[in-house]
Amino acid sequence: MELEGSSSGRRQLPSKLEMSRGAYLAWEDLTVVIPNFSDGPTRRLLQRLNGYAEPGRIMAIMGPSGSGKSTLLDSLAGRLARNVVMTGNLLLNGKKARLDYGLVAYVTQEDVLLGTLTVRETITYSAHLRLPSDMSKEEVSDIVEGTIMELGLQDCSDRVIGNWHARGVSGGERKRVSIALEILTRPQILFLDEPTSGLDSASAFFVIQALRNIARDGRTVISSVHQPSSEVFALFDDLFLLSSGESVYFGEAKSAVEFFAESGFPCPKKRNPSDHFLRCIDSDFDTVTATLKGSQRIQETPATSDPLMNLATSVIKARLVEN
């Protein structure tokens, strides 16, 4: 059995035996709307999305700003606002189930940490609050040290987090501390809202590499990401690409380039694949293209230099969805 919405690179749904070994999350006909109780139209945020995430793999939810990345992430994690309505099926290991605390963890985009505590103190303090009260100090300490090792925080474990007036750890290290706090309870599914936002390329790479290692430990990792570098994109196993609340591609991340090429939109050599995908489906480029075409510089440029300059993103998106 296969879910709709994927193309080249799509994978078979896991067997029952595989499903007994971890948390398999699937969504079918997932639709999210904001009802208008007056005479106005209903606003549709997500439109009949299908997909699934497996343990041992890390999935990127990618798309232009306003495409529905955060809405999809919040829908899967059960964090939608009360003023929206979600329909469709959300299945855990093939059955409808609530994603309770302990099973699921969510890392927000903002890092909420006390700047005066060290990294080890922060994780230890959180461990005493989150872990069962009947655990001994030695057991808690072992979990804390193991988590520090897992996130690669050994070198900065005794440095303060820092704040606006006291220098502390780097932005990438802060993000890894935030992730460390959420995996203390060993959740089976980990959601992250744009964990690389505001980070330089090296820090972003280390954060996603840490998440990849967490996934390889048998957990299901789903992260929204805006525009990763080529190196960061290569770390993701699966890709769910959105545009205006619709699924453009779902499948293995490494097969997305082939999918776009087969659809008539090959990625130019030396171009970041994620940049190419967003260039194809981000409607903001229509405005930019129209502006540039009106300038003398673009008028002097051969039309064949970039075929995408001659197509509206709505046309490109329609072709991709058809495939």
C-alpha atoms as a PDB file:
ATOM      1  CA  MET A   1       0.000   0.000   0.000  1.00  0.00           C
ATOM      2  CA  GLU A   2       1.223   3.501  -0.831  1.00  0.00           C
ATOM      3  CA  LEU A   3       0.016   6.919   0.207  1.00  0.00           C
ATOM      4  CA  GLU A   4      -0.829   9.575  -2.342  1.00  0.00           C
ATOM      5  CA  GLY A   5       1.266  12.684  -2.721  1.00  0.00           C
ATOM      6  CA  SER A   6       4.608  11.030  -3.268  1.00  0.00           C
ATOM      7  CA  SER A   7       6.415  10.477  -6.512  1.00  0.00           C
ATOM      8  CA  SER A   8       9.737   9.044  -7.518  1.00  0.00           C
ATOM      9  CA  GLY A   9      11.501   7.941  -4.369  1.00  0.00           C
ATOM     10  CA  ARG A  10       8.314   7.120  -2.499  1.00  0.00           C
ATOM     11  CA  ARG A  11       8.498   4.242  -0.063  1.00  0.00           C
ATOM     12  CA  GLN A  12       6.208   1.371   0.868  1.00  0.00           C
ATOM     13  CA  LEU A  13       4.259   1.601   4.096  1.00  0.00           C
ATOM     14  CA  PRO A  14       5.878  -0.427   6.911  1.00  0.00           C
ATOM     15  CA  SER A  15       4.684  -3.932   7.748  1.00  0.00           C
ATOM     16  CA  LYS A  16       2.973  -4.824  11.036  1.00  0.00           C
ATOM     17  CA  LEU A  17       6.207  -6.392  12.264  1.00  0.00           C
ATOM     18  CA  GLU A  18       8.106  -3.176  11.582  1.00  0.00           C
ATOM     19  CA  MET A  19       5.388  -1.113  13.244  1.00  0.00           C
ATOM     20  CA  SER A  20       5.879  -3.007  16.519  1.00  0.00           C
ATOM     21  CA  ARG A  21       9.456  -1.731  16.760  1.00  0.00           C
ATOM     22  CA  GLY A  22       8.833   2.009  16.995  1.00  0.00           C
ATOM     23  CA  ALA A  23       6.432   4.890  16.477  1.00  0.00           C
ATOM     24  CA  TYR A  24       5.102   5.069  12.923  1.00  0.00           C
ATOM     25  CA  LEU A  25       3.057   8.209  12.348  1.00  0.00           C
ATOM     26  CA  ALA A  26       0.771   8.495   9.320  1.00  0.00           C
ATOM     27  CA  TRP A  27      -1.680  11.153   8.184  1.00  0.00           C
ATOM     28  CA  GLU A  28      -4.461  10.680   5.625  1.00  0.00           C
ATOM     29  CA  ASP A  29      -6.549  13.399   3.948  1.00  0.00           C
ATOM     30  CA  LEU A  30      -5.297  15.868   6.547  1.00  0.00           C
ATOM     31  CA  THR A  31      -7.122  19.174   6.083  1.00  0.00           C
ATOM     32  CA  VAL A  32      -6.966  22.241   8.313  1.00  0.00           C
ATOM     33  CA  VAL A  33      -9.302  25.216   7.935  1.00  0.00           C
ATOM     34  CA  ILE A  34     -10.120  28.399   9.809  1.00  0.00           C
ATOM     35  CA  PRO A  35     -13.936  28.607   9.834  1.00  0.00           C
ATOM     36  CA  ASN A  36     -15.494  31.995   9.236  1.00  0.00           C
ATOM     37  CA  PHE A  37     -18.613  32.277  11.351  1.00  0.00           C
ATOM     38  CA  SER A  38     -19.677  35.449   9.549  1.00  0.00           C
ATOM     39  CA  ASP A  39     -20.448  35.706   5.841  1.00  0.00           C
ATOM     40  CA  GLY A  40     -16.819  35.483   4.703  1.00  0.00           C
ATOM     41  CA  PRO A  41     -15.191  32.430   3.098  1.00  0.00           C
ATOM     42  CA  THR A  42     -13.508  29.670   5.073  1.00  0.00           C
ATOM     43  CA  ARG A  43      -9.716  29.906   4.972  1.00  0.00           C
ATOM     44  CA  ARG A  44      -8.034  26.623   4.061  1.00  0.00           C
ATOM     45  CA  LEU A  45      -4.544  26.165   5.548  1.00  0.00           C
ATOM     46  CA  LEU A  46      -3.821  22.540   4.580  1.00  0.00           C
ATOM     47  CA  GLN A  47      -5.517  20.567   1.820  1.00  0.00           C
ATOM     48  CA  ARG A  48      -5.863  16.779   1.938  1.00  0.00           C
ATOM     49  CA  LEU A  49      -2.293  15.891   2.824  1.00  0.00           C
ATOM     50  CA  ASN A  50      -1.051  12.292   2.958  1.00  0.00           C
ATOM     51  CA  GLY A  51       2.227  11.088   4.369  1.00  0.00           C
ATOM     52  CA  TYR A  52       3.978   9.089   7.048  1.00  0.00           C
ATOM     53  CA  ALA A  53       7.115   9.185   9.175  1.00  0.00           C
ATOM     54  CA  GLU A  54       9.143   6.212  10.363  1.00  0.00           C
ATOM     55  CA  PRO A  55      11.446   5.540  13.316  1.00  0.00           C
ATOM     56  CA  GLY A  56      15.123   5.676  12.495  1.00  0.00           C
ATOM     57  CA  ARG A  57      14.584   8.431   9.918  1.00  0.00           C
ATOM     58  CA  ILE A  58      14.522  12.239   9.945  1.00  0.00           C
ATOM     59  CA  MET A  59      11.955  14.087   7.833  1.00  0.00           C
ATOM     60  CA  ALA A  60      12.142  17.685   6.617  1.00  0.00           C
ATOM     61  CA  ILE A  61       8.928  19.646   6.137  1.00  0.00           C
ATOM     62  CA  MET A  62       9.907  22.334   3.658  1.00  0.00           C
ATOM     63  CA  GLY A  63       8.193  25.087   1.700  1.00  0.00           C
ATOM     64  CA  PRO A  64       8.024  28.854   1.181  1.00  0.00           C
ATOM     65  CA  SER A  65       6.946  31.207   3.957  1.00  0.00           C
ATOM     66  CA  GLY A  66       3.216  30.779   4.565  1.00  0.00           C
ATOM     67  CA  SER A  67       3.076  27.393   2.842  1.00  0.00           C
ATOM     68  CA  GLY A  68       1.784  25.593   5.944  1.00  0.00           C
ATOM     69  CA  LYS A  69       4.969  24.098   7.425  1.00  0.00           C
ATOM     70  CA  SER A  70       4.242  25.111  11.016  1.00  0.00           C
ATOM     71  CA  THR A  71       0.546  24.275  10.625  1.00  0.00           C
ATOM     72  CA  LEU A  72       1.374  20.746   9.476  1.00  0.00           C
ATOM     73  CA  LEU A  73       3.901  20.309  12.275  1.00  0.00           C
ATOM     74  CA  ASP A  74       1.398  21.540  14.883  1.00  0.00           C
ATOM     75  CA  SER A  75      -1.330  19.326  13.403  1.00  0.00           C
ATOM     76  CA  LEU A  76       0.812  16.213  13.737  1.00  0.00           C
ATOM     77  CA  ALA A  77       1.930  17.159  17.255  1.00  0.00           C
ATOM     78  CA  GLY A  78      -1.581  18.014  18.470  1.00  0.00           C
ATOM     79  CA  ARG A  79      -0.749  21.672  19.080  1.00  0.00           C
ATOM     80  CA  LEU A  80      -3.255  23.422  16.813  1.00  0.00           C
ATOM     81  CA  ALA A  81      -4.982  26.568  18.037  1.00  0.00           C
ATOM     82  CA  ARG A  82      -8.612  26.257  19.101  1.00  0.00           C
ATOM     83  CA  ASN A  83      -9.903  28.484  16.321  1.00  0.00           C
ATOM     84  CA  VAL A  84      -8.959  26.001  13.583  1.00  0.00           C
ATOM     85  CA  VAL A  85     -10.609  22.748  12.536  1.00  0.00           C
ATOM     86  CA  MET A  86      -8.662  19.651  11.484  1.00  0.00           C
ATOM     87  CA  THR A  87     -10.186  16.751   9.562  1.00  0.00           C
ATOM     88  CA  GLY A  88      -8.677  13.523   8.292  1.00  0.00           C
ATOM     89  CA  ASN A  89      -6.956  10.648  10.051  1.00  0.00           C
ATOM     90  CA  LEU A  90      -3.852  10.732  12.217  1.00  0.00           C
ATOM     91  CA  LEU A  91      -2.594   7.213  12.877  1.00  0.00           C
ATOM     92  CA  LEU A  92       0.021   5.960  15.313  1.00  0.00           C
ATOM     93  CA  ASN A  93       1.245   2.482  14.412  1.00  0.00           C
ATOM     94  CA  GLY A  94      -1.825   2.046  12.210  1.00  0.00           C
ATOM     95  CA  LYS A  95      -4.375   3.058  14.858  1.00  0.00           C
ATOM     96  CA  LYS A  96      -6.024   6.284  15.905  1.00  0.00           C
ATOM     97  CA  ALA A  97      -4.393   7.346  19.150  1.00  0.00           C
ATOM     98  CA  ARG A  98      -3.580  10.416  21.182  1.00  0.00           C
ATOM     99  CA  LEU A  99       0.003  11.595  21.164  1.00  0.00           C
ATOM    100  CA  ASP A 100       0.454  11.894  24.909  1.00  0.00           C
ATOM    101  CA  TYR A 101       3.240  13.518  26.900  1.00  0.00           C
ATOM    102  CA  GLY A 102       6.214  11.191  27.139  1.00  0.00           C
ATOM    103  CA  LEU A 103       5.503   9.685  23.739  1.00  0.00           C
ATOM    104  CA  VAL A 104       6.012  12.994  21.906  1.00  0.00           C
ATOM    105  CA  ALA A 105       8.305  15.986  22.422  1.00  0.00           C
ATOM    106  CA  TYR A 106       8.221  19.362  20.671  1.00  0.00           C
ATOM    107  CA  VAL A 107      11.125  21.798  20.343  1.00  0.00           C
ATOM    108  CA  THR A 108       9.932  25.336  19.635  1.00  0.00           C
ATOM    109  CA  GLN A 109      11.783  27.803  17.458  1.00  0.00           C
ATOM    110  CA  GLU A 110      12.540  30.036  20.440  1.00  0.00           C
ATOM    111  CA  ASP A 111      15.035  28.799  23.041  1.00  0.00           C
ATOM    112  CA  VAL A 112      13.603  29.406  26.531  1.00  0.00           C
ATOM    113  CA  LEU A 113      16.597  28.945  28.837  1.00  0.00           C
ATOM    114  CA  LEU A 114      17.946  30.553  32.011  1.00  0.00           C
ATOM    115  CA  GLY A 115      21.076  32.428  31.029  1.00  0.00           C
ATOM    116  CA  THR A 116      22.699  32.220  34.473  1.00  0.00           C
ATOM    117  CA  LEU A 117      22.806  28.404  34.596  1.00  0.00           C
ATOM    118  CA  THR A 118      25.449  26.236  32.984  1.00  0.00           C
ATOM    119  CA  VAL A 119      24.533  23.695  30.325  1.00  0.00           C
ATOM    120  CA  ARG A 120      24.857  20.813  32.790  1.00  0.00           C
ATOM    121  CA  GLU A 121      22.849  22.652  35.461  1.00  0.00           C
ATOM    122  CA  THR A 122      20.099  23.407  32.949  1.00  0.00           C
ATOM    123  CA  ILE A 123      19.764  19.793  31.847  1.00  0.00           C
ATOM    124  CA  THR A 124      20.025  18.473  35.420  1.00  0.00           C
ATOM    125  CA  TYR A 125      17.373  20.887  36.686  1.00  0.00           C
ATOM    126  CA  SER A 126      15.018  19.861  33.886  1.00  0.00           C
ATOM    127  CA  ALA A 127      15.735  16.168  34.467  1.00  0.00           C
ATOM    128  CA  HIS A 128      14.656  16.383  38.108  1.00  0.00           C
ATOM    129  CA  LEU A 129      11.385  17.993  36.999  1.00  0.00           C
ATOM    130  CA  ARG A 130      10.629  15.662  34.087  1.00  0.00           C
ATOM    131  CA  LEU A 131      11.878  12.240  35.145  1.00  0.00           C
ATOM    132  CA  PRO A 132      10.017   9.928  37.579  1.00  0.00           C
ATOM    133  CA  SER A 133      10.433  10.955  41.207  1.00  0.00           C
ATOM    134  CA  ASP A 134      11.421   7.436  42.284  1.00  0.00           C
ATOM    135  CA  MET A 135      14.631   7.609  40.250  1.00  0.00           C
ATOM    136  CA  SER A 136      17.820   7.780  42.281  1.00  0.00           C
ATOM    137  CA  LYS A 137      20.263  10.671  41.924  1.00  0.00           C
ATOM    138  CA  GLU A 138      22.712   8.320  40.270  1.00  0.00           C
ATOM    139  CA  GLU A 139      20.151   7.274  37.662  1.00  0.00           C
ATOM    140  CA  VAL A 140      19.231  10.889  36.926  1.00  0.00           C
ATOM    141  CA  SER A 141      22.908  11.817  36.689  1.00  0.00           C
ATOM    142  CA  ASP A 142      23.547   8.971  34.239  1.00  0.00           C
ATOM    143  CA  ILE A 143      20.690  10.164  32.009  1.00  0.00           C
ATOM    144  CA  VAL A 144      21.955  13.750  32.147  1.00  0.00           C
ATOM    145  CA  GLU A 145      25.493  12.769  31.201  1.00  0.00           C
ATOM    146  CA  GLY A 146      24.237  10.460  28.463  1.00  0.00           C
ATOM    147  CA  THR A 147      22.109  13.254  27.015  1.00  0.00           C
ATOM    148  CA  ILE A 148      25.052  15.669  27.092  1.00  0.00           C
ATOM    149  CA  MET A 149      27.120  13.116  25.183  1.00  0.00           C
ATOM    150  CA  GLU A 150      24.314  12.407  22.708  1.00  0.00           C
ATOM    151  CA  LEU A 151      23.990  16.094  21.769  1.00  0.00           C
ATOM    152  CA  GLY A 152      27.749  16.703  21.658  1.00  0.00           C
ATOM    153  CA  LEU A 153      27.694  19.231  24.507  1.00  0.00           C
ATOM    154  CA  GLN A 154      30.666  17.912  26.474  1.00  0.00           C
ATOM    155  CA  ASP A 155      32.977  20.813  25.639  1.00  0.00           C
ATOM    156  CA  CYS A 156      30.491  23.459  26.779  1.00  0.00           C
ATOM    157  CA  SER A 157      28.758  21.562  29.593  1.00  0.00           C
ATOM    158  CA  ASP A 158      30.223  23.775  32.336  1.00  0.00           C
ATOM    159  CA  ARG A 159      29.716  27.098  30.539  1.00  0.00           C
ATOM    160  CA  VAL A 160      26.760  29.343  31.322  1.00  0.00           C
ATOM    161  CA  ILE A 161      23.959  29.600  28.783  1.00  0.00           C
ATOM    162  CA  GLY A 162      24.334  33.373  28.669  1.00  0.00           C
ATOM    163  CA  ASN A 163      21.899  36.196  27.969  1.00  0.00           C
ATOM    164  CA  TRP A 164      21.806  39.738  26.594  1.00  0.00           C
ATOM    165  CA  HIS A 165      24.436  41.047  29.039  1.00  0.00           C
ATOM    166  CA  ALA A 166      26.506  37.919  29.746  1.00  0.00           C
ATOM    167  CA  ARG A 167      28.270  36.003  27.007  1.00  0.00           C
ATOM    168  CA  GLY A 168      27.602  32.277  26.978  1.00  0.00           C
ATOM    169  CA  VAL A 169      27.339  29.359  24.588  1.00  0.00           C
ATOM    170  CA  SER A 170      26.839  29.770  20.837  1.00  0.00           C
ATOM    171  CA  GLY A 171      23.469  29.778  19.085  1.00  0.00           C
ATOM    172  CA  GLY A 172      23.939  26.234  17.835  1.00  0.00           C
ATOM    173  CA  GLU A 173      24.850  25.021  21.315  1.00  0.00           C
ATOM    174  CA  ARG A 174      21.768  26.758  22.766  1.00  0.00           C
ATOM    175  CA  LYS A 175      19.588  24.937  20.265  1.00  0.00           C
ATOM    176  CA  ARG A 176      21.185  21.596  21.137  1.00  0.00           C
ATOM    177  CA  VAL A 177      20.529  22.314  24.824  1.00  0.00           C
ATOM    178  CA  SER A 178      16.853  22.915  23.999  1.00  0.00           C
ATOM    179  CA  ILE A 179      16.761  19.589  22.169  1.00  0.00           C
ATOM    180  CA  ALA A 180      18.517  17.883  25.092  1.00  0.00           C
ATOM    181  CA  LEU A 181      15.780  19.016  27.487  1.00  0.00           C
ATOM    182  CA  GLU A 182      13.087  17.454  25.310  1.00  0.00           C
ATOM    183  CA  ILE A 183      14.742  14.059  24.828  1.00  0.00           C
ATOM    184  CA  LEU A 184      15.386  13.471  28.542  1.00  0.00           C
ATOM    185  CA  THR A 185      12.168  11.449  28.767  1.00  0.00           C
ATOM    186  CA  ARG A 186      13.177   9.413  25.693  1.00  0.00           C
ATOM    187  CA  PRO A 187      10.159  10.333  23.517  1.00  0.00           C
ATOM    188  CA  GLN A 188       9.465   8.122  20.515  1.00  0.00           C
ATOM    189  CA  ILE A 189       8.552  11.071  18.270  1.00  0.00           C
ATOM    190  CA  LEU A 190      10.403  14.388  18.207  1.00  0.00           C
ATOM    191  CA  PHE A 191       8.977  17.469  16.468  1.00  0.00           C
ATOM    192  CA  LEU A 192      11.055  20.592  15.840  1.00  0.00           C
ATOM    193  CA  ASP A 193       9.984  23.979  14.490  1.00  0.00           C
ATOM    194  CA  GLU A 194      12.782  25.363  12.278  1.00  0.00           C
ATOM    195  CA  PRO A 195      15.692  24.394  14.581  1.00  0.00           C
ATOM    196  CA  THR A 196      18.260  25.944  12.220  1.00  0.00           C
ATOM    197  CA  SER A 197      16.630  29.380  12.082  1.00  0.00           C
ATOM    198  CA  GLY A 198      19.175  32.125  12.782  1.00  0.00           C
ATOM    199  CA  LEU A 199      22.156  29.751  12.778  1.00  0.00           C
ATOM    200  CA  ASP A 200      25.202  29.883  10.526  1.00  0.00           C
ATOM    201  CA  SER A 201      25.799  26.979   8.142  1.00  0.00           C
ATOM    202  CA  ALA A 202      28.227  25.146  10.439  1.00  0.00           C
ATOM    203  CA  SER A 203      25.962  25.412  13.499  1.00  0.00           C
ATOM    204  CA  ALA A 204      22.959  24.331  11.436  1.00  0.00           C
ATOM    205  CA  PHE A 205      24.883  21.298  10.201  1.00  0.00           C
ATOM    206  CA  PHE A 206      25.813  20.214  13.746  1.00  0.00           C
ATOM    207  CA  VAL A 207      22.197  20.610  14.934  1.00  0.00           C
ATOM    208  CA  ILE A 208      20.741  18.494  12.119  1.00  0.00           C
ATOM    209  CA  GLN A 209      23.571  15.960  12.470  1.00  0.00           C
ATOM    210  CA  ALA A 210      22.625  15.607  16.147  1.00  0.00           C
ATOM    211  CA  LEU A 211      18.974  15.090  15.160  1.00  0.00           C
ATOM    212  CA  ARG A 212      20.015  12.497  12.595  1.00  0.00           C
ATOM    213  CA  ASN A 213      21.878  10.604  15.328  1.00  0.00           C
ATOM    214  CA  ILE A 214      18.779  10.773  17.545  1.00  0.00           C
ATOM    215  CA  ALA A 215      16.710   9.307  14.707  1.00  0.00           C
ATOM    216  CA  ARG A 216      19.232   6.521  14.171  1.00  0.00           C
ATOM    217  CA  ASP A 217      18.627   5.552  17.799  1.00  0.00           C
ATOM    218  CA  GLY A 218      15.159   4.371  16.745  1.00  0.00           C
ATOM    219  CA  ARG A 219      13.159   7.550  17.167  1.00  0.00           C
ATOM    220  CA  THR A 220      10.959   9.368  14.654  1.00  0.00           C
ATOM    221  CA  VAL A 221      12.170  12.911  13.963  1.00  0.00           C
ATOM    222  CA  ILE A 222      10.096  15.464  12.028  1.00  0.00           C
ATOM    223  CA  SER A 223      11.422  18.983  11.546  1.00  0.00           C
ATOM    224  CA  SER A 224      10.248  22.007   9.617  1.00  0.00           C
ATOM    225  CA  VAL A 225      13.075  23.806   7.848  1.00  0.00           C
ATOM    226  CA  HIS A 226      13.013  26.853   5.593  1.00  0.00           C
ATOM    227  CA  GLN A 227      16.018  26.862   3.267  1.00  0.00           C
ATOM    228  CA  PRO A 228      18.800  24.477   4.320  1.00  0.00           C
ATOM    229  CA  SER A 229      22.248  24.446   2.750  1.00  0.00           C
ATOM    230  CA  SER A 230      23.194  21.575   0.440  1.00  0.00           C
ATOM    231  CA  GLU A 231      25.137  19.892   3.246  1.00  0.00           C
ATOM    232  CA  VAL A 232      22.241  20.175   5.694  1.00  0.00           C
ATOM    233  CA  PHE A 233      19.666  19.020   3.132  1.00  0.00           C
ATOM    234  CA  ALA A 234      21.732  15.881   2.477  1.00  0.00           C
ATOM    235  CA  LEU A 235      21.316  14.866   6.138  1.00  0.00           C
ATOM    236  CA  PHE A 236      17.534  14.446   5.819  1.00  0.00           C
ATOM    237  CA  ASP A 237      16.136  11.049   4.892  1.00  0.00           C
ATOM    238  CA  ASP A 238      12.686  12.184   3.780  1.00  0.00           C
ATOM    239  CA  LEU A 239      11.131  15.367   2.411  1.00  0.00           C
ATOM    240  CA  PHE A 240       7.578  16.699   2.586  1.00  0.00           C
ATOM    241  CA  LEU A 241       7.411  19.728   0.292  1.00  0.00           C
ATOM    242  CA  LEU A 242       4.487  22.139   0.665  1.00  0.00           C
ATOM    243  CA  SER A 243       3.157  25.037  -1.367  1.00  0.00           C
ATOM    244  CA  SER A 244       0.034  26.992  -0.360  1.00  0.00           C
ATOM    245  CA  GLY A 245      -1.076  24.162   1.917  1.00  0.00           C
ATOM    246  CA  GLU A 246      -0.800  21.500  -0.792  1.00  0.00           C
ATOM    247  CA  SER A 247       1.657  18.628  -1.100  1.00  0.00           C
ATOM    248  CA  VAL A 248       4.097  19.054  -3.979  1.00  0.00           C
ATOM    249  CA  TYR A 249       6.397  16.144  -3.125  1.00  0.00           C
ATOM    250  CA  PHE A 250       6.628  13.438  -0.493  1.00  0.00           C
ATOM    251  CA  GLY A 251       9.347  10.818  -0.565  1.00  0.00           C
ATOM    252  CA  GLU A 252      13.043  10.289  -0.048  1.00  0.00           C
ATOM    253  CA  ALA A 253      14.902  13.588   0.067  1.00  0.00           C
ATOM    254  CA  LYS A 254      17.651  12.315  -2.224  1.00  0.00           C
ATOM    255  CA  SER A 255      15.070  11.498  -4.928  1.00  0.00           C
ATOM    256  CA  ALA A 256      13.489  14.969  -5.006  1.00  0.00           C
ATOM    257  CA  VAL A 257      16.008  16.295  -7.544  1.00  0.00           C
ATOM    258  CA  GLU A 258      15.158  13.419  -9.885  1.00  0.00           C
ATOM    259  CA  PHE A 259      11.432  14.083  -9.413  1.00  0.00           C
ATOM    260  CA  PHE A 260      11.801  17.745 -10.389  1.00  0.00           C
ATOM    261  CA  ALA A 261      13.951  16.787 -13.380  1.00  0.00           C
ATOM    262  CA  GLU A 262      11.396  14.245 -14.609  1.00  0.00           C
ATOM    263  CA  SER A 263       8.701  16.905 -14.242  1.00  0.00           C
ATOM    264  CA  GLY A 264      10.629  19.210 -16.553  1.00  0.00           C
ATOM    265  CA  PHE A 265      12.419  21.355 -13.979  1.00  0.00           C
ATOM    266  CA  PRO A 266      15.963  19.997 -13.561  1.00  0.00           C
ATOM    267  CA  CYS A 267      18.162  21.487 -10.874  1.00  0.00           C
ATOM    268  CA  PRO A 268      21.087  23.378 -12.459  1.00  0.00           C
ATOM    269  CA  LYS A 269      24.568  22.199 -11.590  1.00  0.00           C
ATOM    270  CA  LYS A 270      26.111  23.794  -8.497  1.00  0.00           C
ATOM    271  CA  ARG A 271      22.706  25.053  -7.294  1.00  0.00           C
ATOM    272  CA  ASN A 272      21.482  24.160  -3.826  1.00  0.00           C
ATOM    273  CA  PRO A 273      18.573  21.689  -4.312  1.00  0.00           C
ATOM    274  CA  SER A 274      16.427  23.347  -1.637  1.00  0.00           C
ATOM    275  CA  ASP A 275      16.939  26.735  -3.327  1.00  0.00           C
ATOM    276  CA  HIS A 276      15.821  25.206  -6.617  1.00  0.00           C
ATOM    277  CA  PHE A 277      12.690  23.634  -5.108  1.00  0.00           C
ATOM    278  CA  LEU A 278      11.607  26.902  -3.512  1.00  0.00           C
ATOM    279  CA  ARG A 279      12.428  28.832  -6.682  1.00  0.00           C
ATOM    280  CA  CYS A 280       9.976  26.595  -8.515  1.00  0.00           C
ATOM    281  CA  ILE A 281       7.042  26.869  -6.087  1.00  0.00           C
ATOM    282  CA  ASP A 282       7.390  30.192  -4.234  1.00  0.00           C
ATOM    283  CA  SER A 283       4.893  32.656  -5.739  1.00  0.00           C
ATOM    284  CA  ASP A 284       6.904  35.592  -4.391  1.00  0.00           C
ATOM    285  CA  PHE A 285       9.316  34.986  -7.263  1.00  0.00           C
ATOM    286  CA  ASP A 286       6.577  36.004  -9.717  1.00  0.00           C
ATOM    287  CA  THR A 287       6.669  39.529  -8.322  1.00  0.00           C
ATOM    288  CA  VAL A 288      10.467  39.578  -8.326  1.00  0.00           C
ATOM    289  CA  THR A 289      10.618  38.283 -11.897  1.00  0.00           C
ATOM    290  CA  ALA A 290       8.112  40.857 -13.126  1.00  0.00           C
ATOM    291  CA  THR A 291      10.144  43.628 -11.507  1.00  0.00           C
ATOM    292  CA  LEU A 292      13.448  42.373 -12.900  1.00  0.00           C
ATOM    293  CA  LYS A 293      12.068  41.936 -16.401  1.00  0.00           C
ATOM    294  CA  GLY A 294      11.197  45.607 -16.394  1.00  0.00           C
ATOM    295  CA  SER A 295      14.795  46.587 -15.765  1.00  0.00           C
ATOM    296  CA  GLN A 296      17.333  47.166 -18.544  1.00  0.00           C
ATOM    297  CA  ARG A 297      19.650  44.517 -17.112  1.00  0.00           C
ATOM    298  CA  ILE A 298      17.157  41.691 -17.437  1.00  0.00           C
ATOM    299  CA  GLN A 299      16.007  42.851 -20.869  1.00  0.00           C
ATOM    300  CA  GLU A 300      19.544  42.339 -22.095  1.00  0.00           C
ATOM    301  CA  THR A 301      19.740  38.813 -20.647  1.00  0.00           C
ATOM    302  CA  PRO A 302      18.869  35.920 -23.006  1.00  0.00           C
ATOM    303  CA  ALA A 303      15.487  34.406 -22.131  1.00  0.00           C
ATOM    304  CA  THR A 304      16.981  30.926 -22.237  1.00  0.00           C
ATOM    305  CA  SER A 305      19.397  31.630 -19.366  1.00  0.00           C
ATOM    306  CA  ASP A 306      16.777  30.532 -16.842  1.00  0.00           C
ATOM    307  CA  PRO A 307      13.646  28.806 -18.196  1.00  0.00           C
ATOM    308  CA  LEU A 308      11.913  29.350 -14.858  1.00  0.00           C
ATOM    309  CA  MET A 309      11.916  33.094 -15.553  1.00  0.00           C
ATOM    310  CA  ASN A 310       9.338  32.444 -18.288  1.00  0.00           C
ATOM    311  CA  LEU A 311       6.870  30.413 -16.197  1.00  0.00           C
ATOM    312  CA  ALA A 312       4.578  31.458 -13.360  1.00  0.00           C
ATOM    313  CA  THR A 313       5.068  29.435 -10.178  1.00  0.00           C
ATOM    314  CA  SER A 314       1.394  28.419 -10.324  1.00  0.00           C
ATOM    315  CA  VAL A 315       2.102  26.679 -13.653  1.00  0.00           C
ATOM    316  CA  ILE A 316       5.201  24.947 -12.274  1.00  0.00           C
ATOM    317  CA  LYS A 317       3.344  23.841  -9.148  1.00  0.00           C
ATOM    318  CA  ALA A 318       0.458  22.444 -11.210  1.00  0.00           C
ATOM    319  CA  ARG A 319       2.860  20.313 -13.260  1.00  0.00           C
ATOM    320  CA  LEU A 320       4.598  19.022 -10.139  1.00  0.00           C
ATOM    321  CA  VAL A 321       1.325  18.112  -8.413  1.00  0.00           C
ATOM    322  CA  GLU A 322       0.132  16.282 -11.534  1.00  0.00           C
ATOM    323  CA  ASN A 323       3.207  14.071 -11.370  1.00  0.00           C
END
